[in-house]
Amino acid sequence: MAEQKERAEKPAEKVKRIKCEGPVGSNGASVFRLPKQKGSLDIYPGQVLTIGNEITKEEAEQLLTTTSWKFSEVK
């Protein structure tokens, strides 16, 4: 009974998401290709990626620090 109460009191972990705003300036690119261990992930302007699903936390940090495309955290 005490275990169930503890589980109910724990706040749900907030799912973090990253949104692709698009290329910075006019670099002519229409897609951002993120290399992954198995293949790659093509990211398009307006696309929202969920950390832990489509991308890892490390990949999200990489996207947020890239200078050629703009990515932002979705609240």
Protein backbone atom coordinates (compact mmCIF):
# COMPACT_ATOMS: atom_id res chain seq x y z
CA MET A 1 0.00 0.00 0.00
CA ALA A 2 2.84 2.39 0.86
CA GLU A 3 4.49 1.64 -2.52
CA GLN A 4 1.38 2.71 -4.43
CA LYS A 5 1.23 5.97 -2.48
CA GLU A 6 4.90 6.73 -3.26
CA ARG A 7 4.35 6.10 -6.97
CA ALA A 8 1.32 8.36 -7.04
CA GLU A 9 3.22 11.23 -5.38
CA LYS A 10 6.14 11.18 -7.83
CA PRO A 11 5.71 13.83 -10.52
CA ALA A 12 5.68 12.52 -14.07
CA GLU A 13 8.96 13.12 -15.87
CA LYS A 14 8.58 16.01 -18.31
CA VAL A 15 9.15 14.98 -21.89
CA LYS A 16 11.50 17.39 -23.60
CA ARG A 17 11.18 18.24 -27.25
CA ILE A 18 13.28 20.10 -29.79
CA LYS A 19 11.81 22.04 -32.74
CA CYS A 20 13.67 22.67 -35.98
CA GLU A 21 13.20 26.31 -37.01
CA GLY A 22 15.17 25.94 -40.25
CA PRO A 23 18.49 26.99 -41.77
CA VAL A 24 20.25 30.14 -40.61
CA GLY A 25 20.50 32.65 -43.42
CA SER A 26 20.17 31.37 -46.94
CA ASN A 27 22.45 28.35 -47.05
CA GLY A 28 20.21 26.64 -49.64
CA ALA A 29 19.60 23.51 -47.55
CA SER A 30 16.07 22.17 -47.18
CA VAL A 31 16.91 19.32 -44.79
CA PHE A 32 19.31 18.83 -41.85
CA ARG A 33 20.85 15.34 -41.87
CA LEU A 34 21.82 14.08 -38.41
CA PRO A 35 24.23 11.12 -38.55
CA LYS A 36 23.24 8.31 -36.18
CA GLN A 37 24.80 4.97 -35.26
CA LYS A 38 22.49 3.20 -37.70
CA GLY A 39 21.92 5.39 -40.73
CA SER A 40 20.85 9.02 -40.40
CA LEU A 41 17.85 11.15 -39.50
CA ASP A 42 16.59 13.81 -41.91
CA ILE A 43 15.13 16.79 -40.04
CA TYR A 44 12.87 19.32 -41.78
CA PRO A 45 11.90 22.87 -40.77
CA GLY A 46 8.92 22.79 -38.39
CA GLN A 47 9.60 19.22 -37.30
CA VAL A 48 9.42 18.50 -33.54
CA LEU A 49 11.66 15.77 -32.13
CA THR A 50 11.12 14.04 -28.79
CA ILE A 51 14.22 13.39 -26.69
CA GLY A 52 14.38 9.72 -25.81
CA ASN A 53 12.28 8.74 -28.82
CA GLU A 54 13.64 10.12 -32.11
CA ILE A 55 16.86 11.56 -30.66
CA THR A 56 19.06 11.07 -27.60
CA LYS A 57 19.87 13.77 -25.04
CA GLU A 58 23.37 14.08 -26.52
CA GLU A 59 22.00 14.52 -30.04
CA ALA A 60 19.58 17.18 -28.75
CA GLU A 61 22.48 19.10 -27.20
CA GLN A 62 24.34 18.84 -30.52
CA LEU A 63 21.34 20.23 -32.42
CA LEU A 64 20.88 23.12 -29.98
CA THR A 65 24.52 24.17 -30.43
CA THR A 66 24.71 23.86 -34.21
CA THR A 67 25.32 27.18 -35.98
CA SER A 68 24.08 26.40 -39.50
CA TRP A 69 20.48 25.58 -38.45
CA LYS A 70 18.27 26.97 -35.68
CA PHE A 71 16.79 24.53 -33.16
CA SER A 72 14.85 25.49 -30.03
CA GLU A 73 13.48 23.68 -27.01
CA VAL A 74 9.69 23.34 -26.98
CA LYS A 75 8.02 24.08 -23.66
